[in-house]
Amino acid sequence: MTSSDTAVTGSHQLEPWTGFVLTDAPTPQDVAAISDALDRLNIEQTGIADRRPLAVLVRDPATRQAVGGLTGRTSLGLFFLDLFYLPPRLRGSGLGTQILRQAEDEARARGCRTAVLYTITFQAPGFYQKHGWKHLGEVPCDPPGTSRVFMTKELTAPSGASVRSR
């Protein structure tokens, strides 16, 4: 156990092998164990095995290192947009719009009908609204006066084509 981990035990009739670890540093294997188990449950319940990551990366031409872009995932007809960042020097050029459009198009191609995300009031809710995203709700967060903004978008097929279902 690392210094950032805390063992939690109690008299709640846990199996002898069961224990809790509170950590701010789960390993990639820890995260994968939980994610994969939940994915197996979803597949058992739905018969659909379509969870896939989705990313549109912006790479520095000299170093080929990612300097920005979008990451998310698709699953069960939904596109989850998790992270989207562009360095200030790349904003305002239309690049963000191109990245968002590519991700949405790929999600449609994977059979997604709806997209969801959350942003923060000081980040980019206006950018998403400009691109057809709708406000679902807000949850206050710090600093005071700031909120997490939850948004969704229907991923209708472009040019009247039907979205393929799975």
C-alpha atoms as a PDB file:
ATOM      1  CA  MET A   1       0.000   0.000   0.000  1.00  0.00           C
ATOM      2  CA  THR A   2       1.371   3.413  -0.933  1.00  0.00           C
ATOM      3  CA  SER A   3       1.204   6.474   1.290  1.00  0.00           C
ATOM      4  CA  SER A   4      -1.764   7.697  -0.759  1.00  0.00           C
ATOM      5  CA  ASP A   5      -3.673   4.441  -0.157  1.00  0.00           C
ATOM      6  CA  THR A   6      -5.815   3.840   2.904  1.00  0.00           C
ATOM      7  CA  ALA A   7      -7.036   0.390   3.881  1.00  0.00           C
ATOM      8  CA  VAL A   8     -10.671   0.380   4.938  1.00  0.00           C
ATOM      9  CA  THR A   9     -12.033  -2.513   6.934  1.00  0.00           C
ATOM     10  CA  GLY A  10     -14.953  -2.912   9.258  1.00  0.00           C
ATOM     11  CA  SER A  11     -17.396  -5.276  10.829  1.00  0.00           C
ATOM     12  CA  HIS A  12     -19.717  -5.399   7.837  1.00  0.00           C
ATOM     13  CA  GLN A  13     -19.231  -9.146   7.285  1.00  0.00           C
ATOM     14  CA  LEU A  14     -16.814  -8.844   4.388  1.00  0.00           C
ATOM     15  CA  GLU A  15     -15.374 -11.975   2.883  1.00  0.00           C
ATOM     16  CA  PRO A  16     -11.890 -12.649   4.280  1.00  0.00           C
ATOM     17  CA  TRP A  17     -10.300 -11.675   0.937  1.00  0.00           C
ATOM     18  CA  THR A  18     -12.358  -8.525   0.577  1.00  0.00           C
ATOM     19  CA  GLY A  19     -10.877  -5.202   1.539  1.00  0.00           C
ATOM     20  CA  PHE A  20     -11.032  -1.668   0.339  1.00  0.00           C
ATOM     21  CA  VAL A  21      -8.212   0.576  -0.765  1.00  0.00           C
ATOM     22  CA  LEU A  22      -8.826   4.278  -1.081  1.00  0.00           C
ATOM     23  CA  THR A  23      -6.282   5.751  -3.483  1.00  0.00           C
ATOM     24  CA  ASP A  24      -5.641   8.727  -5.682  1.00  0.00           C
ATOM     25  CA  ALA A  25      -3.302   6.642  -7.822  1.00  0.00           C
ATOM     26  CA  PRO A  26      -5.032   3.531  -9.192  1.00  0.00           C
ATOM     27  CA  THR A  27      -2.846   1.580 -11.567  1.00  0.00           C
ATOM     28  CA  PRO A  28      -3.899   1.147 -15.199  1.00  0.00           C
ATOM     29  CA  GLN A  29      -4.495  -2.511 -14.295  1.00  0.00           C
ATOM     30  CA  ASP A  30      -6.862  -1.479 -11.464  1.00  0.00           C
ATOM     31  CA  VAL A  31      -8.871   0.735 -13.786  1.00  0.00           C
ATOM     32  CA  ALA A  32      -8.931  -1.957 -16.492  1.00  0.00           C
ATOM     33  CA  ALA A  33     -10.151  -4.605 -14.014  1.00  0.00           C
ATOM     34  CA  ILE A  34     -13.159  -2.463 -13.081  1.00  0.00           C
ATOM     35  CA  SER A  35     -13.854  -1.254 -16.612  1.00  0.00           C
ATOM     36  CA  ASP A  36     -13.567  -4.719 -18.135  1.00  0.00           C
ATOM     37  CA  ALA A  37     -15.808  -6.284 -15.470  1.00  0.00           C
ATOM     38  CA  LEU A  38     -18.476  -3.630 -16.042  1.00  0.00           C
ATOM     39  CA  ASP A  39     -18.171  -4.150 -19.792  1.00  0.00           C
ATOM     40  CA  ARG A  40     -18.706  -7.908 -19.338  1.00  0.00           C
ATOM     41  CA  LEU A  41     -21.830  -7.193 -17.250  1.00  0.00           C
ATOM     42  CA  ASN A  42     -23.158  -4.850 -19.942  1.00  0.00           C
ATOM     43  CA  ILE A  43     -22.539  -7.468 -22.624  1.00  0.00           C
ATOM     44  CA  GLU A  44     -24.270 -10.163 -20.543  1.00  0.00           C
ATOM     45  CA  GLN A  45     -27.294  -7.903 -20.055  1.00  0.00           C
ATOM     46  CA  THR A  46     -27.549  -6.481 -23.589  1.00  0.00           C
ATOM     47  CA  GLY A  47     -25.775  -8.930 -25.878  1.00  0.00           C
ATOM     48  CA  ILE A  48     -23.970  -5.930 -27.381  1.00  0.00           C
ATOM     49  CA  ALA A  49     -20.163  -5.789 -27.321  1.00  0.00           C
ATOM     50  CA  ASP A  50     -19.403  -2.446 -28.913  1.00  0.00           C
ATOM     51  CA  ARG A  51     -17.413  -0.407 -26.354  1.00  0.00           C
ATOM     52  CA  ARG A  52     -14.483   1.304 -28.086  1.00  0.00           C
ATOM     53  CA  PRO A  53     -12.280   4.289 -27.381  1.00  0.00           C
ATOM     54  CA  LEU A  54     -12.453   7.228 -29.771  1.00  0.00           C
ATOM     55  CA  ALA A  55      -9.794   9.922 -30.112  1.00  0.00           C
ATOM     56  CA  VAL A  56      -8.942  12.716 -32.522  1.00  0.00           C
ATOM     57  CA  LEU A  57      -5.383  13.807 -31.738  1.00  0.00           C
ATOM     58  CA  VAL A  58      -3.480  16.938 -32.674  1.00  0.00           C
ATOM     59  CA  ARG A  59       0.236  16.198 -32.892  1.00  0.00           C
ATOM     60  CA  ASP A  60       3.175  18.567 -32.921  1.00  0.00           C
ATOM     61  CA  PRO A  61       4.669  18.248 -36.429  1.00  0.00           C
ATOM     62  CA  ALA A  62       8.253  18.267 -35.128  1.00  0.00           C
ATOM     63  CA  THR A  63       7.954  15.891 -32.159  1.00  0.00           C
ATOM     64  CA  ARG A  64       4.829  13.909 -33.154  1.00  0.00           C
ATOM     65  CA  GLN A  65       3.704  14.259 -29.514  1.00  0.00           C
ATOM     66  CA  ALA A  66       0.029  14.931 -28.822  1.00  0.00           C
ATOM     67  CA  VAL A  67      -0.510  18.576 -27.898  1.00  0.00           C
ATOM     68  CA  GLY A  68      -4.299  18.484 -27.857  1.00  0.00           C
ATOM     69  CA  GLY A  69      -7.374  16.820 -29.214  1.00  0.00           C
ATOM     70  CA  LEU A  70     -10.422  14.933 -28.086  1.00  0.00           C
ATOM     71  CA  THR A  71     -10.857  11.620 -26.283  1.00  0.00           C
ATOM     72  CA  GLY A  72     -13.975   9.664 -25.514  1.00  0.00           C
ATOM     73  CA  ARG A  73     -15.643   6.352 -26.131  1.00  0.00           C
ATOM     74  CA  THR A  74     -18.644   4.795 -27.808  1.00  0.00           C
ATOM     75  CA  SER A  75     -20.885   2.204 -26.230  1.00  0.00           C
ATOM     76  CA  LEU A  76     -24.498   1.050 -26.484  1.00  0.00           C
ATOM     77  CA  GLY A  77     -25.490   3.735 -28.966  1.00  0.00           C
ATOM     78  CA  LEU A  78     -23.877   6.597 -27.034  1.00  0.00           C
ATOM     79  CA  PHE A  79     -20.811   8.710 -27.714  1.00  0.00           C
ATOM     80  CA  PHE A  80     -19.210   9.899 -24.485  1.00  0.00           C
ATOM     81  CA  LEU A  81     -16.969  12.905 -25.078  1.00  0.00           C
ATOM     82  CA  ASP A  82     -14.587  12.786 -22.108  1.00  0.00           C
ATOM     83  CA  LEU A  83     -11.796  15.295 -22.766  1.00  0.00           C
ATOM     84  CA  PHE A  84     -11.258  18.054 -25.341  1.00  0.00           C
ATOM     85  CA  TYR A  85      -8.345  20.463 -25.214  1.00  0.00           C
ATOM     86  CA  LEU A  86      -6.521  22.685 -27.667  1.00  0.00           C
ATOM     87  CA  PRO A  87      -3.566  24.901 -26.767  1.00  0.00           C
ATOM     88  CA  PRO A  88      -4.453  28.618 -26.940  1.00  0.00           C
ATOM     89  CA  ARG A  89      -2.383  29.127 -30.106  1.00  0.00           C
ATOM     90  CA  LEU A  90      -4.602  26.621 -31.977  1.00  0.00           C
ATOM     91  CA  ARG A  91      -7.958  28.029 -30.863  1.00  0.00           C
ATOM     92  CA  GLY A  92     -10.125  30.220 -33.082  1.00  0.00           C
ATOM     93  CA  SER A  93      -8.831  28.700 -36.329  1.00  0.00           C
ATOM     94  CA  GLY A  94     -11.683  26.252 -36.911  1.00  0.00           C
ATOM     95  CA  LEU A  95      -9.561  23.307 -35.773  1.00  0.00           C
ATOM     96  CA  GLY A  96     -11.840  22.614 -32.792  1.00  0.00           C
ATOM     97  CA  THR A  97     -14.856  22.461 -35.086  1.00  0.00           C
ATOM     98  CA  GLN A  98     -13.041  20.021 -37.400  1.00  0.00           C
ATOM     99  CA  ILE A  99     -12.037  17.790 -34.478  1.00  0.00           C
ATOM    100  CA  LEU A 100     -15.555  17.758 -33.017  1.00  0.00           C
ATOM    101  CA  ARG A 101     -17.073  17.021 -36.436  1.00  0.00           C
ATOM    102  CA  GLN A 102     -14.653  14.114 -37.022  1.00  0.00           C
ATOM    103  CA  ALA A 103     -15.472  12.601 -33.632  1.00  0.00           C
ATOM    104  CA  GLU A 104     -19.236  12.974 -34.143  1.00  0.00           C
ATOM    105  CA  ASP A 105     -19.007  11.485 -37.645  1.00  0.00           C
ATOM    106  CA  GLU A 106     -17.048   8.500 -36.326  1.00  0.00           C
ATOM    107  CA  ALA A 107     -19.588   8.024 -33.533  1.00  0.00           C
ATOM    108  CA  ARG A 108     -22.396   8.024 -36.112  1.00  0.00           C
ATOM    109  CA  ALA A 109     -20.479   5.482 -38.214  1.00  0.00           C
ATOM    110  CA  ARG A 110     -20.302   3.284 -35.099  1.00  0.00           C
ATOM    111  CA  GLY A 111     -24.080   3.444 -34.735  1.00  0.00           C
ATOM    112  CA  CYS A 112     -24.323   6.071 -31.997  1.00  0.00           C
ATOM    113  CA  ARG A 113     -27.575   8.018 -31.882  1.00  0.00           C
ATOM    114  CA  THR A 114     -26.747  10.365 -29.007  1.00  0.00           C
ATOM    115  CA  ALA A 115     -23.679  12.089 -27.554  1.00  0.00           C
ATOM    116  CA  VAL A 116     -23.083  13.278 -23.987  1.00  0.00           C
ATOM    117  CA  LEU A 117     -20.434  15.399 -22.283  1.00  0.00           C
ATOM    118  CA  TYR A 118     -19.811  17.693 -19.410  1.00  0.00           C
ATOM    119  CA  THR A 119     -17.792  20.866 -19.413  1.00  0.00           C
ATOM    120  CA  ILE A 120     -17.322  23.693 -16.921  1.00  0.00           C
ATOM    121  CA  THR A 121     -18.866  27.141 -17.182  1.00  0.00           C
ATOM    122  CA  PHE A 122     -15.404  28.711 -17.711  1.00  0.00           C
ATOM    123  CA  GLN A 123     -14.441  26.172 -20.383  1.00  0.00           C
ATOM    124  CA  ALA A 124     -16.490  25.810 -23.566  1.00  0.00           C
ATOM    125  CA  PRO A 125     -20.272  25.429 -23.179  1.00  0.00           C
ATOM    126  CA  GLY A 126     -20.787  28.129 -25.832  1.00  0.00           C
ATOM    127  CA  PHE A 127     -18.584  26.244 -28.305  1.00  0.00           C
ATOM    128  CA  TYR A 128     -20.690  23.104 -27.906  1.00  0.00           C
ATOM    129  CA  GLN A 129     -24.000  25.026 -28.114  1.00  0.00           C
ATOM    130  CA  LYS A 130     -22.784  26.587 -31.373  1.00  0.00           C
ATOM    131  CA  HIS A 131     -22.382  23.030 -32.692  1.00  0.00           C
ATOM    132  CA  GLY A 132     -25.864  21.834 -31.763  1.00  0.00           C
ATOM    133  CA  TRP A 133     -25.311  20.533 -28.244  1.00  0.00           C
ATOM    134  CA  LYS A 134     -28.178  21.075 -25.795  1.00  0.00           C
ATOM    135  CA  HIS A 135     -28.005  21.935 -22.110  1.00  0.00           C
ATOM    136  CA  LEU A 136     -29.120  19.053 -19.833  1.00  0.00           C
ATOM    137  CA  GLY A 137     -28.353  20.582 -16.461  1.00  0.00           C
ATOM    138  CA  GLU A 138     -25.736  22.030 -14.163  1.00  0.00           C
ATOM    139  CA  VAL A 139     -24.138  21.020 -10.883  1.00  0.00           C
ATOM    140  CA  PRO A 140     -22.405  23.740  -8.851  1.00  0.00           C
ATOM    141  CA  CYS A 141     -18.693  23.219  -8.217  1.00  0.00           C
ATOM    142  CA  ASP A 142     -15.694  25.249  -7.075  1.00  0.00           C
ATOM    143  CA  PRO A 143     -14.821  28.021  -7.296  1.00  0.00           C
ATOM    144  CA  PRO A 144     -18.127  29.536  -6.133  1.00  0.00           C
ATOM    145  CA  GLY A 145     -20.265  30.641  -9.068  1.00  0.00           C
ATOM    146  CA  THR A 146     -18.904  27.874 -11.296  1.00  0.00           C
ATOM    147  CA  SER A 147     -20.857  24.827 -12.470  1.00  0.00           C
ATOM    148  CA  ARG A 148     -20.342  21.574 -14.321  1.00  0.00           C
ATOM    149  CA  VAL A 149     -22.514  21.830 -17.427  1.00  0.00           C
ATOM    150  CA  PHE A 150     -23.962  18.579 -18.751  1.00  0.00           C
ATOM    151  CA  MET A 151     -24.840  18.563 -22.452  1.00  0.00           C
ATOM    152  CA  THR A 152     -26.205  16.191 -25.082  1.00  0.00           C
ATOM    153  CA  LYS A 153     -26.586  16.080 -28.844  1.00  0.00           C
ATOM    154  CA  GLU A 154     -28.697  13.903 -31.080  1.00  0.00           C
ATOM    155  CA  LEU A 155     -26.403  12.431 -33.726  1.00  0.00           C
ATOM    156  CA  THR A 156     -28.770  12.515 -36.658  1.00  0.00           C
ATOM    157  CA  ALA A 157     -27.299  11.202 -39.860  1.00  0.00           C
ATOM    158  CA  PRO A 158     -25.884  13.823 -42.235  1.00  0.00           C
ATOM    159  CA  SER A 159     -27.743  14.485 -45.496  1.00  0.00           C
ATOM    160  CA  GLY A 160     -30.832  12.550 -44.423  1.00  0.00           C
ATOM    161  CA  ALA A 161     -29.036   9.186 -44.475  1.00  0.00           C
ATOM    162  CA  SER A 162     -30.175   6.802 -41.764  1.00  0.00           C
ATOM    163  CA  VAL A 163     -27.879   5.903 -38.904  1.00  0.00           C
ATOM    164  CA  ARG A 164     -27.160   2.209 -38.975  1.00  0.00           C
ATOM    165  CA  SER A 165     -28.337   0.386 -35.876  1.00  0.00           C
ATOM    166  CA  ARG A 166     -26.689  -2.531 -34.184  1.00  0.00           C
END
